[in-house]
ModelCIF file with pLDDT and N, C-alpha, C, O atoms, coordinates in Angstrom:
data_MODEL
#
_entry.id   MODEL 
#
_entity.id                         1 
_entity.type                       polymer 
_entity.pdbx_number_of_molecules   1 
#
_entity_poly.entity_id                      1 
_entity_poly.type                           'polypeptide(L)' 
_entity_poly.nstd_linkage                   no 
_entity_poly.nstd_monomer                   no 
_entity_poly.pdbx_seq_one_letter_code       NTKRRAMDVMNNLSKREISAGKHPMALAATVLYVSCLNSGEIKTQTDI 
_entity_poly.pdbx_seq_one_letter_code_can   NTKRRAMDVMNNLSKREISAGKHPMALAATVLYVSCLNSGEIKTQTDI 
_entity_poly.pdbx_strand_id                 A 
#
loop_
_entity_poly_seq.entity_id 
_entity_poly_seq.num 
_entity_poly_seq.mon_id 
_entity_poly_seq.hetero 
1 1  ASN n 
1 2  THR n 
1 3  LYS n 
1 4  ARG n 
1 5  ARG n 
1 6  ALA n 
1 7  MET n 
1 8  ASP n 
1 9  VAL n 
1 10 MET n 
1 11 ASN n 
1 12 ASN n 
1 13 LEU n 
1 14 SER n 
1 15 LYS n 
1 16 ARG n 
1 17 GLU n 
1 18 ILE n 
1 19 SER n 
1 20 ALA n 
1 21 GLY n 
1 22 LYS n 
1 23 HIS n 
1 24 PRO n 
1 25 MET n 
1 26 ALA n 
1 27 LEU n 
1 28 ALA n 
1 29 ALA n 
1 30 THR n 
1 31 VAL n 
1 32 LEU n 
1 33 TYR n 
1 34 VAL n 
1 35 SER n 
1 36 CYS n 
1 37 LEU n 
1 38 ASN n 
1 39 SER n 
1 40 GLY n 
1 41 GLU n 
1 42 ILE n 
1 43 LYS n 
1 44 THR n 
1 45 GLN n 
1 46 THR n 
1 47 ASP n 
1 48 ILE n 
#
_struct_asym.id          A 
_struct_asym.entity_id   1 
#
loop_
_ma_qa_metric.id 
_ma_qa_metric.mode 
_ma_qa_metric.name 
_ma_qa_metric.software_group_id 
_ma_qa_metric.type 
1 global pLDDT . pLDDT 
2 local  pLDDT . pLDDT 
#
_ma_qa_metric_global.metric_id      1 
_ma_qa_metric_global.metric_value   87.94 
_ma_qa_metric_global.model_id       1 
_ma_qa_metric_global.ordinal_id     1 
#
loop_
_ma_qa_metric_local.label_asym_id 
_ma_qa_metric_local.label_comp_id 
_ma_qa_metric_local.label_seq_id 
_ma_qa_metric_local.metric_id 
_ma_qa_metric_local.metric_value 
_ma_qa_metric_local.model_id 
_ma_qa_metric_local.ordinal_id 
A ASN 1  2 93.00 1 1  
A THR 2  2 94.00 1 2  
A LYS 3  2 93.00 1 3  
A ARG 4  2 93.00 1 4  
A ARG 5  2 92.00 1 5  
A ALA 6  2 92.00 1 6  
A MET 7  2 93.00 1 7  
A ASP 8  2 92.00 1 8  
A VAL 9  2 88.00 1 9  
A MET 10 2 88.00 1 10 
A ASN 11 2 88.00 1 11 
A ASN 12 2 85.00 1 12 
A LEU 13 2 82.00 1 13 
A SER 14 2 80.00 1 14 
A LYS 15 2 82.00 1 15 
A ARG 16 2 77.00 1 16 
A GLU 17 2 71.00 1 17 
A ILE 18 2 67.00 1 18 
A SER 19 2 62.00 1 19 
A ALA 20 2 61.00 1 20 
A GLY 21 2 64.00 1 21 
A LYS 22 2 69.00 1 22 
A HIS 23 2 84.00 1 23 
A PRO 24 2 86.00 1 24 
A MET 25 2 90.00 1 25 
A ALA 26 2 92.00 1 26 
A LEU 27 2 90.00 1 27 
A ALA 28 2 91.00 1 28 
A ALA 29 2 94.00 1 29 
A THR 30 2 93.00 1 30 
A VAL 31 2 93.00 1 31 
A LEU 32 2 94.00 1 32 
A TYR 33 2 95.00 1 33 
A VAL 34 2 93.00 1 34 
A SER 35 2 94.00 1 35 
A CYS 36 2 95.00 1 36 
A LEU 37 2 93.00 1 37 
A ASN 38 2 91.00 1 38 
A SER 39 2 93.00 1 39 
A GLY 40 2 94.00 1 40 
A GLU 41 2 94.00 1 41 
A ILE 42 2 94.00 1 42 
A LYS 43 2 95.00 1 43 
A THR 44 2 95.00 1 44 
A GLN 45 2 95.00 1 45 
A THR 46 2 96.00 1 46 
A ASP 47 2 95.00 1 47 
A ILE 48 2 96.00 1 48 
#
loop_
_atom_site.group_PDB 
_atom_site.id 
_atom_site.type_symbol 
_atom_site.label_atom_id 
_atom_site.label_alt_id 
_atom_site.label_comp_id 
_atom_site.label_asym_id 
_atom_site.label_entity_id 
_atom_site.label_seq_id 
_atom_site.pdbx_PDB_ins_code 
_atom_site.Cartn_x 
_atom_site.Cartn_y 
_atom_site.Cartn_z 
_atom_site.occupancy 
_atom_site.B_iso_or_equiv 
_atom_site.pdbx_formal_charge 
_atom_site.auth_seq_id 
_atom_site.auth_comp_id 
_atom_site.auth_asym_id 
_atom_site.auth_atom_id 
_atom_site.pdbx_PDB_model_num 
ATOM 1   N N  . ASN A 1 1  ? -59.522 74.405 23.351 1.00 93.00 ? 1  ASN A N  1 
ATOM 2   C CA . ASN A 1 1  ? -58.309 74.891 23.995 1.00 93.00 ? 1  ASN A CA 1 
ATOM 3   C C  . ASN A 1 1  ? -57.192 75.062 22.964 1.00 93.00 ? 1  ASN A C  1 
ATOM 4   O O  . ASN A 1 1  ? -56.479 76.066 22.976 1.00 93.00 ? 1  ASN A O  1 
ATOM 5   N N  . THR A 1 2  ? -57.048 74.104 22.094 1.00 94.00 ? 2  THR A N  1 
ATOM 6   C CA . THR A 1 2  ? -56.015 74.168 21.058 1.00 94.00 ? 2  THR A CA 1 
ATOM 7   C C  . THR A 1 2  ? -56.310 75.304 20.087 1.00 94.00 ? 2  THR A C  1 
ATOM 8   O O  . THR A 1 2  ? -55.394 76.003 19.656 1.00 94.00 ? 2  THR A O  1 
ATOM 9   N N  . LYS A 1 3  ? -57.569 75.492 19.744 1.00 93.00 ? 3  LYS A N  1 
ATOM 10  C CA . LYS A 1 3  ? -57.949 76.589 18.837 1.00 93.00 ? 3  LYS A CA 1 
ATOM 11  C C  . LYS A 1 3  ? -57.618 77.945 19.456 1.00 93.00 ? 3  LYS A C  1 
ATOM 12  O O  . LYS A 1 3  ? -57.131 78.841 18.767 1.00 93.00 ? 3  LYS A O  1 
ATOM 13  N N  . ARG A 1 4  ? -57.881 78.095 20.750 1.00 93.00 ? 4  ARG A N  1 
ATOM 14  C CA . ARG A 1 4  ? -57.576 79.366 21.427 1.00 93.00 ? 4  ARG A CA 1 
ATOM 15  C C  . ARG A 1 4  ? -56.071 79.621 21.458 1.00 93.00 ? 4  ARG A C  1 
ATOM 16  O O  . ARG A 1 4  ? -55.617 80.741 21.221 1.00 93.00 ? 4  ARG A O  1 
ATOM 17  N N  . ARG A 1 5  ? -55.304 78.576 21.751 1.00 92.00 ? 5  ARG A N  1 
ATOM 18  C CA . ARG A 1 5  ? -53.848 78.712 21.736 1.00 92.00 ? 5  ARG A CA 1 
ATOM 19  C C  . ARG A 1 5  ? -53.360 79.116 20.344 1.00 92.00 ? 5  ARG A C  1 
ATOM 20  O O  . ARG A 1 5  ? -52.465 79.950 20.207 1.00 92.00 ? 5  ARG A O  1 
ATOM 21  N N  . ALA A 1 6  ? -53.953 78.520 19.326 1.00 92.00 ? 6  ALA A N  1 
ATOM 22  C CA . ALA A 1 6  ? -53.565 78.836 17.952 1.00 92.00 ? 6  ALA A CA 1 
ATOM 23  C C  . ALA A 1 6  ? -53.856 80.302 17.621 1.00 92.00 ? 6  ALA A C  1 
ATOM 24  O O  . ALA A 1 6  ? -53.056 80.957 16.953 1.00 92.00 ? 6  ALA A O  1 
ATOM 25  N N  . MET A 1 7  ? -54.980 80.808 18.078 1.00 93.00 ? 7  MET A N  1 
ATOM 26  C CA . MET A 1 7  ? -55.308 82.219 17.847 1.00 93.00 ? 7  MET A CA 1 
ATOM 27  C C  . MET A 1 7  ? -54.286 83.126 18.507 1.00 93.00 ? 7  MET A C  1 
ATOM 28  O O  . MET A 1 7  ? -53.879 84.126 17.915 1.00 93.00 ? 7  MET A O  1 
ATOM 29  N N  . ASP A 1 8  ? -53.862 82.798 19.720 1.00 92.00 ? 8  ASP A N  1 
ATOM 30  C CA . ASP A 1 8  ? -52.846 83.596 20.415 1.00 92.00 ? 8  ASP A CA 1 
ATOM 31  C C  . ASP A 1 8  ? -51.527 83.596 19.652 1.00 92.00 ? 8  ASP A C  1 
ATOM 32  O O  . ASP A 1 8  ? -50.898 84.640 19.483 1.00 92.00 ? 8  ASP A O  1 
ATOM 33  N N  . VAL A 1 9  ? -51.115 82.415 19.195 1.00 88.00 ? 9  VAL A N  1 
ATOM 34  C CA . VAL A 1 9  ? -49.859 82.316 18.446 1.00 88.00 ? 9  VAL A CA 1 
ATOM 35  C C  . VAL A 1 9  ? -49.955 83.105 17.141 1.00 88.00 ? 9  VAL A C  1 
ATOM 36  O O  . VAL A 1 9  ? -49.023 83.824 16.781 1.00 88.00 ? 9  VAL A O  1 
ATOM 37  N N  . MET A 1 10 ? -51.072 82.974 16.436 1.00 88.00 ? 10 MET A N  1 
ATOM 38  C CA . MET A 1 10 ? -51.238 83.678 15.160 1.00 88.00 ? 10 MET A CA 1 
ATOM 39  C C  . MET A 1 10 ? -51.244 85.189 15.363 1.00 88.00 ? 10 MET A C  1 
ATOM 40  O O  . MET A 1 10 ? -50.668 85.925 14.562 1.00 88.00 ? 10 MET A O  1 
ATOM 41  N N  . ASN A 1 11 ? -51.887 85.651 16.421 1.00 88.00 ? 11 ASN A N  1 
ATOM 42  C CA . ASN A 1 11 ? -51.888 87.087 16.707 1.00 88.00 ? 11 ASN A CA 1 
ATOM 43  C C  . ASN A 1 11 ? -50.472 87.590 16.980 1.00 88.00 ? 11 ASN A C  1 
ATOM 44  O O  . ASN A 1 11 ? -50.093 88.667 16.520 1.00 88.00 ? 11 ASN A O  1 
ATOM 45  N N  . ASN A 1 12 ? -49.695 86.816 17.725 1.00 85.00 ? 12 ASN A N  1 
ATOM 46  C CA . ASN A 1 12 ? -48.309 87.203 17.990 1.00 85.00 ? 12 ASN A CA 1 
ATOM 47  C C  . ASN A 1 12 ? -47.481 87.224 16.718 1.00 85.00 ? 12 ASN A C  1 
ATOM 48  O O  . ASN A 1 12 ? -46.656 88.118 16.530 1.00 85.00 ? 12 ASN A O  1 
ATOM 49  N N  . LEU A 1 13 ? -47.689 86.257 15.850 1.00 82.00 ? 13 LEU A N  1 
ATOM 50  C CA . LEU A 1 13 ? -46.969 86.222 14.580 1.00 82.00 ? 13 LEU A CA 1 
ATOM 51  C C  . LEU A 1 13 ? -47.322 87.429 13.716 1.00 82.00 ? 13 LEU A C  1 
ATOM 52  O O  . LEU A 1 13 ? -46.453 88.033 13.089 1.00 82.00 ? 13 LEU A O  1 
ATOM 53  N N  . SER A 1 14 ? -48.595 87.767 13.693 1.00 80.00 ? 14 SER A N  1 
ATOM 54  C CA . SER A 1 14 ? -49.037 88.902 12.890 1.00 80.00 ? 14 SER A CA 1 
ATOM 55  C C  . SER A 1 14 ? -48.449 90.208 13.413 1.00 80.00 ? 14 SER A C  1 
ATOM 56  O O  . SER A 1 14 ? -48.033 91.061 12.629 1.00 80.00 ? 14 SER A O  1 
ATOM 57  N N  . LYS A 1 15 ? -48.414 90.364 14.719 1.00 82.00 ? 15 LYS A N  1 
ATOM 58  C CA . LYS A 1 15 ? -47.841 91.578 15.316 1.00 82.00 ? 15 LYS A CA 1 
ATOM 59  C C  . LYS A 1 15 ? -46.368 91.713 14.994 1.00 82.00 ? 15 LYS A C  1 
ATOM 60  O O  . LYS A 1 15 ? -45.868 92.819 14.787 1.00 82.00 ? 15 LYS A O  1 
ATOM 61  N N  . ARG A 1 16 ? -45.676 90.590 14.952 1.00 77.00 ? 16 ARG A N  1 
ATOM 62  C CA . ARG A 1 16 ? -44.238 90.600 14.670 1.00 77.00 ? 16 ARG A CA 1 
ATOM 63  C C  . ARG A 1 16 ? -43.938 90.517 13.176 1.00 77.00 ? 16 ARG A C  1 
ATOM 64  O O  . ARG A 1 16 ? -42.778 90.461 12.769 1.00 77.00 ? 16 ARG A O  1 
ATOM 65  N N  . GLU A 1 17 ? -44.994 90.511 12.366 1.00 71.00 ? 17 GLU A N  1 
ATOM 66  C CA . GLU A 1 17 ? -44.910 90.479 10.914 1.00 71.00 ? 17 GLU A CA 1 
ATOM 67  C C  . GLU A 1 17 ? -44.129 89.281 10.383 1.00 71.00 ? 17 GLU A C  1 
ATOM 68  O O  . GLU A 1 17 ? -43.521 89.345 9.315  1.00 71.00 ? 17 GLU A O  1 
ATOM 69  N N  . ILE A 1 18 ? -44.156 88.192 11.141 1.00 67.00 ? 18 ILE A N  1 
ATOM 70  C CA . ILE A 1 18 ? -43.483 86.969 10.701 1.00 67.00 ? 18 ILE A CA 1 
ATOM 71  C C  . ILE A 1 18 ? -44.317 86.260 9.638  1.00 67.00 ? 18 ILE A C  1 
ATOM 72  O O  . ILE A 1 18 ? -43.792 85.481 8.843  1.00 67.00 ? 18 ILE A O  1 
ATOM 73  N N  . SER A 1 19 ? -45.602 86.531 9.631  1.00 62.00 ? 19 SER A N  1 
ATOM 74  C CA . SER A 1 19 ? -46.488 85.834 8.697  1.00 62.00 ? 19 SER A CA 1 
ATOM 75  C C  . SER A 1 19 ? -46.439 86.406 7.285  1.00 62.00 ? 19 SER A C  1 
ATOM 76  O O  . SER A 1 19 ? -46.988 85.798 6.366  1.00 62.00 ? 19 SER A O  1 
ATOM 77  N N  . ALA A 1 20 ? -45.810 87.536 7.088  1.00 61.00 ? 20 ALA A N  1 
ATOM 78  C CA . ALA A 1 20 ? -45.786 88.183 5.776  1.00 61.00 ? 20 ALA A CA 1 
ATOM 79  C C  . ALA A 1 20 ? -45.091 87.304 4.737  1.00 61.00 ? 20 ALA A C  1 
ATOM 80  O O  . ALA A 1 20 ? -43.985 86.810 4.958  1.00 61.00 ? 20 ALA A O  1 
ATOM 81  N N  . GLY A 1 21 ? -45.757 87.124 3.609  1.00 64.00 ? 21 GLY A N  1 
ATOM 82  C CA . GLY A 1 21 ? -45.177 86.388 2.500  1.00 64.00 ? 21 GLY A CA 1 
ATOM 83  C C  . GLY A 1 21 ? -45.250 84.876 2.601  1.00 64.00 ? 21 GLY A C  1 
ATOM 84  O O  . GLY A 1 21 ? -44.720 84.177 1.738  1.00 64.00 ? 21 GLY A O  1 
ATOM 85  N N  . LYS A 1 22 ? -45.884 84.366 3.617  1.00 69.00 ? 22 LYS A N  1 
ATOM 86  C CA . LYS A 1 22 ? -46.004 82.916 3.791  1.00 69.00 ? 22 LYS A CA 1 
ATOM 87  C C  . LYS A 1 22 ? -47.344 82.438 3.241  1.00 69.00 ? 22 LYS A C  1 
ATOM 88  O O  . LYS A 1 22 ? -48.333 83.171 3.262  1.00 69.00 ? 22 LYS A O  1 
ATOM 89  N N  . HIS A 1 23 ? -47.364 81.209 2.753  1.00 84.00 ? 23 HIS A N  1 
ATOM 90  C CA . HIS A 1 23 ? -48.600 80.611 2.260  1.00 84.00 ? 23 HIS A CA 1 
ATOM 91  C C  . HIS A 1 23 ? -49.581 80.536 3.427  1.00 84.00 ? 23 HIS A C  1 
ATOM 92  O O  . HIS A 1 23 ? -49.289 79.874 4.423  1.00 84.00 ? 23 HIS A O  1 
ATOM 93  N N  . PRO A 1 24 ? -50.727 81.191 3.334  1.00 86.00 ? 24 PRO A N  1 
ATOM 94  C CA . PRO A 1 24 ? -51.639 81.280 4.477  1.00 86.00 ? 24 PRO A CA 1 
ATOM 95  C C  . PRO A 1 24 ? -52.081 79.933 5.045  1.00 86.00 ? 24 PRO A C  1 
ATOM 96  O O  . PRO A 1 24 ? -52.140 79.767 6.263  1.00 86.00 ? 24 PRO A O  1 
ATOM 97  N N  . MET A 1 25 ? -52.388 78.980 4.186  1.00 90.00 ? 25 MET A N  1 
ATOM 98  C CA . MET A 1 25 ? -52.860 77.688 4.671  1.00 90.00 ? 25 MET A CA 1 
ATOM 99  C C  . MET A 1 25 ? -51.732 76.929 5.361  1.00 90.00 ? 25 MET A C  1 
ATOM 100 O O  . MET A 1 25 ? -51.963 76.243 6.357  1.00 90.00 ? 25 MET A O  1 
ATOM 101 N N  . ALA A 1 26 ? -50.522 77.048 4.840  1.00 92.00 ? 26 ALA A N  1 
ATOM 102 C CA . ALA A 1 26 ? -49.372 76.380 5.460  1.00 92.00 ? 26 ALA A CA 1 
ATOM 103 C C  . ALA A 1 26 ? -49.082 76.986 6.829  1.00 92.00 ? 26 ALA A C  1 
ATOM 104 O O  . ALA A 1 26 ? -48.777 76.268 7.781  1.00 92.00 ? 26 ALA A O  1 
ATOM 105 N N  . LEU A 1 27 ? -49.178 78.295 6.922  1.00 90.00 ? 27 LEU A N  1 
ATOM 106 C CA . LEU A 1 27 ? -48.931 78.957 8.200  1.00 90.00 ? 27 LEU A CA 1 
ATOM 107 C C  . LEU A 1 27 ? -50.011 78.592 9.214  1.00 90.00 ? 27 LEU A C  1 
ATOM 108 O O  . LEU A 1 27 ? -49.709 78.324 10.377 1.00 90.00 ? 27 LEU A O  1 
ATOM 109 N N  . ALA A 1 28 ? -51.259 78.581 8.778  1.00 91.00 ? 28 ALA A N  1 
ATOM 110 C CA . ALA A 1 28 ? -52.360 78.200 9.678  1.00 91.00 ? 28 ALA A CA 1 
ATOM 111 C C  . ALA A 1 28 ? -52.172 76.774 10.184 1.00 91.00 ? 28 ALA A C  1 
ATOM 112 O O  . ALA A 1 28 ? -52.352 76.501 11.371 1.00 91.00 ? 28 ALA A O  1 
ATOM 113 N N  . ALA A 1 29 ? -51.813 75.875 9.286  1.00 94.00 ? 29 ALA A N  1 
ATOM 114 C CA . ALA A 1 29 ? -51.602 74.478 9.680  1.00 94.00 ? 29 ALA A CA 1 
ATOM 115 C C  . ALA A 1 29 ? -50.452 74.359 10.670 1.00 94.00 ? 29 ALA A C  1 
ATOM 116 O O  . ALA A 1 29 ? -50.535 73.601 11.637 1.00 94.00 ? 29 ALA A O  1 
ATOM 117 N N  . THR A 1 30 ? -49.393 75.097 10.433 1.00 93.00 ? 30 THR A N  1 
ATOM 118 C CA . THR A 1 30 ? -48.232 75.044 11.327 1.00 93.00 ? 30 THR A CA 1 
ATOM 119 C C  . THR A 1 30 ? -48.574 75.577 12.708 1.00 93.00 ? 30 THR A C  1 
ATOM 120 O O  . THR A 1 30 ? -48.177 74.998 13.720 1.00 93.00 ? 30 THR A O  1 
ATOM 121 N N  . VAL A 1 31 ? -49.298 76.662 12.749 1.00 93.00 ? 31 VAL A N  1 
ATOM 122 C CA . VAL A 1 31 ? -49.712 77.230 14.035 1.00 93.00 ? 31 VAL A CA 1 
ATOM 123 C C  . VAL A 1 31 ? -50.604 76.239 14.780 1.00 93.00 ? 31 VAL A C  1 
ATOM 124 O O  . VAL A 1 31 ? -50.485 76.088 15.996 1.00 93.00 ? 31 VAL A O  1 
ATOM 125 N N  . LEU A 1 32 ? -51.483 75.575 14.066 1.00 94.00 ? 32 LEU A N  1 
ATOM 126 C CA . LEU A 1 32 ? -52.331 74.569 14.709 1.00 94.00 ? 32 LEU A CA 1 
ATOM 127 C C  . LEU A 1 32 ? -51.502 73.396 15.225 1.00 94.00 ? 32 LEU A C  1 
ATOM 128 O O  . LEU A 1 32 ? -51.761 72.879 16.312 1.00 94.00 ? 32 LEU A O  1 
ATOM 129 N N  . TYR A 1 33 ? -50.521 72.985 14.455 1.00 95.00 ? 33 TYR A N  1 
ATOM 130 C CA . TYR A 1 33 ? -49.653 71.882 14.890 1.00 95.00 ? 33 TYR A CA 1 
ATOM 131 C C  . TYR A 1 33 ? -48.883 72.271 16.151 1.00 95.00 ? 33 TYR A C  1 
ATOM 132 O O  . TYR A 1 33 ? -48.806 71.489 17.098 1.00 95.00 ? 33 TYR A O  1 
ATOM 133 N N  . VAL A 1 34 ? -48.323 73.459 16.164 1.00 93.00 ? 34 VAL A N  1 
ATOM 134 C CA . VAL A 1 34 ? -47.595 73.948 17.349 1.00 93.00 ? 34 VAL A CA 1 
ATOM 135 C C  . VAL A 1 34 ? -48.529 74.016 18.547 1.00 93.00 ? 34 VAL A C  1 
ATOM 136 O O  . VAL A 1 34 ? -48.145 73.659 19.661 1.00 93.00 ? 34 VAL A O  1 
ATOM 137 N N  . SER A 1 35 ? -49.747 74.472 18.322 1.00 94.00 ? 35 SER A N  1 
ATOM 138 C CA . SER A 1 35 ? -50.721 74.562 19.409 1.00 94.00 ? 35 SER A CA 1 
ATOM 139 C C  . SER A 1 35 ? -51.094 73.194 19.948 1.00 94.00 ? 35 SER A C  1 
ATOM 140 O O  . SER A 1 35 ? -51.319 73.034 21.147 1.00 94.00 ? 35 SER A O  1 
ATOM 141 N N  . CYS A 1 36 ? -51.159 72.211 19.068 1.00 95.00 ? 36 CYS A N  1 
ATOM 142 C CA . CYS A 1 36 ? -51.413 70.833 19.514 1.00 95.00 ? 36 CYS A CA 1 
ATOM 143 C C  . CYS A 1 36 ? -50.271 70.356 20.408 1.00 95.00 ? 36 CYS A C  1 
ATOM 144 O O  . CYS A 1 36 ? -50.505 69.760 21.459 1.00 95.00 ? 36 CYS A O  1 
ATOM 145 N N  . LEU A 1 37 ? -49.049 70.620 19.991 1.00 93.00 ? 37 LEU A N  1 
ATOM 146 C CA . LEU A 1 37 ? -47.893 70.221 20.792 1.00 93.00 ? 37 LEU A CA 1 
ATOM 147 C C  . LEU A 1 37 ? -47.922 70.884 22.169 1.00 93.00 ? 37 LEU A C  1 
ATOM 148 O O  . LEU A 1 37 ? -47.642 70.243 23.183 1.00 93.00 ? 37 LEU A O  1 
ATOM 149 N N  . ASN A 1 38 ? -48.263 72.171 22.193 1.00 91.00 ? 38 ASN A N  1 
ATOM 150 C CA . ASN A 1 38 ? -48.275 72.922 23.454 1.00 91.00 ? 38 ASN A CA 1 
ATOM 151 C C  . ASN A 1 38 ? -49.428 72.528 24.375 1.00 91.00 ? 38 ASN A C  1 
ATOM 152 O O  . ASN A 1 38 ? -49.300 72.591 25.598 1.00 91.00 ? 38 ASN A O  1 
ATOM 153 N N  . SER A 1 39 ? -50.545 72.125 23.787 1.00 93.00 ? 39 SER A N  1 
ATOM 154 C CA . SER A 1 39 ? -51.711 71.801 24.615 1.00 93.00 ? 39 SER A CA 1 
ATOM 155 C C  . SER A 1 39 ? -51.767 70.324 24.990 1.00 93.00 ? 39 SER A C  1 
ATOM 156 O O  . SER A 1 39 ? -52.573 69.922 25.828 1.00 93.00 ? 39 SER A O  1 
ATOM 157 N N  . GLY A 1 40 ? -50.908 69.518 24.366 1.00 94.00 ? 40 GLY A N  1 
ATOM 158 C CA . GLY A 1 40 ? -50.918 68.095 24.657 1.00 94.00 ? 40 GLY A CA 1 
ATOM 159 C C  . GLY A 1 40 ? -51.922 67.306 23.839 1.00 94.00 ? 40 GLY A C  1 
ATOM 160 O O  . GLY A 1 40 ? -52.104 66.108 24.058 1.00 94.00 ? 40 GLY A O  1 
ATOM 161 N N  . GLU A 1 41 ? -52.577 67.974 22.895 1.00 94.00 ? 41 GLU A N  1 
ATOM 162 C CA . GLU A 1 41 ? -53.523 67.262 22.030 1.00 94.00 ? 41 GLU A CA 1 
ATOM 163 C C  . GLU A 1 41 ? -52.716 66.460 21.010 1.00 94.00 ? 41 GLU A C  1 
ATOM 164 O O  . GLU A 1 41 ? -51.805 66.985 20.369 1.00 94.00 ? 41 GLU A O  1 
ATOM 165 N N  . ILE A 1 42 ? -53.057 65.210 20.875 1.00 94.00 ? 42 ILE A N  1 
ATOM 166 C CA . ILE A 1 42 ? -52.270 64.320 20.025 1.00 94.00 ? 42 ILE A CA 1 
ATOM 167 C C  . ILE A 1 42 ? -52.827 64.327 18.604 1.00 94.00 ? 42 ILE A C  1 
ATOM 168 O O  . ILE A 1 42 ? -53.867 63.733 18.319 1.00 94.00 ? 42 ILE A O  1 
ATOM 169 N N  . LYS A 1 43 ? -52.108 65.012 17.727 1.00 95.00 ? 43 LYS A N  1 
ATOM 170 C CA . LYS A 1 43 ? -52.412 65.035 16.298 1.00 95.00 ? 43 LYS A CA 1 
ATOM 171 C C  . LYS A 1 43 ? -51.081 64.929 15.565 1.00 95.00 ? 43 LYS A C  1 
ATOM 172 O O  . LYS A 1 43 ? -50.095 65.550 15.962 1.00 95.00 ? 43 LYS A O  1 
ATOM 173 N N  . THR A 1 44 ? -51.057 64.154 14.513 1.00 95.00 ? 44 THR A N  1 
ATOM 174 C CA . THR A 1 44 ? -49.820 63.996 13.744 1.00 95.00 ? 44 THR A CA 1 
ATOM 175 C C  . THR A 1 44 ? -49.699 65.115 12.705 1.00 95.00 ? 44 THR A C  1 
ATOM 176 O O  . THR A 1 44 ? -50.660 65.824 12.406 1.00 95.00 ? 44 THR A O  1 
ATOM 177 N N  . GLN A 1 45 ? -48.494 65.244 12.173 1.00 95.00 ? 45 GLN A N  1 
ATOM 178 C CA . GLN A 1 45 ? -48.294 66.203 11.091 1.00 95.00 ? 45 GLN A CA 1 
ATOM 179 C C  . GLN A 1 45 ? -49.199 65.847 9.910  1.00 95.00 ? 45 GLN A C  1 
ATOM 180 O O  . GLN A 1 45 ? -49.716 66.729 9.225  1.00 95.00 ? 45 GLN A O  1 
ATOM 181 N N  . THR A 1 46 ? -49.378 64.570 9.687  1.00 96.00 ? 46 THR A N  1 
ATOM 182 C CA . THR A 1 46 ? -50.247 64.124 8.600  1.00 96.00 ? 46 THR A CA 1 
ATOM 183 C C  . THR A 1 46 ? -51.688 64.556 8.829  1.00 96.00 ? 46 THR A C  1 
ATOM 184 O O  . THR A 1 46 ? -52.354 65.002 7.895  1.00 96.00 ? 46 THR A O  1 
ATOM 185 N N  . ASP A 1 47 ? -52.179 64.430 10.061 1.00 95.00 ? 47 ASP A N  1 
ATOM 186 C CA . ASP A 1 47 ? -53.544 64.853 10.384 1.00 95.00 ? 47 ASP A CA 1 
ATOM 187 C C  . ASP A 1 47 ? -53.758 66.329 10.042 1.00 95.00 ? 47 ASP A C  1 
ATOM 188 O O  . ASP A 1 47 ? -54.741 66.697 9.398  1.00 95.00 ? 47 ASP A O  1 
ATOM 189 N N  . ILE A 1 48 ? -52.828 67.155 10.482 1.00 96.00 ? 48 ILE A N  1 
ATOM 190 C CA . ILE A 1 48 ? -52.955 68.599 10.287 1.00 96.00 ? 48 ILE A CA 1 
ATOM 191 C C  . ILE A 1 48 ? -52.761 68.964 8.818  1.00 96.00 ? 48 ILE A C  1 
ATOM 192 O O  . ILE A 1 48 ? -52.833 70.140 8.460  1.00 96.00 ? 48 ILE A O  1 
#
């Protein structure tokens, strides 16, 4: 569920060109962290 939410967020970011020029791994991690927050999955910033 969290992975699917992350894909939706990443697709929206790509469409809005917000991802341009950002470190890909940092952006992926951030999107996953946001998706965890939205889905209620408990993961710390350190985990991600």
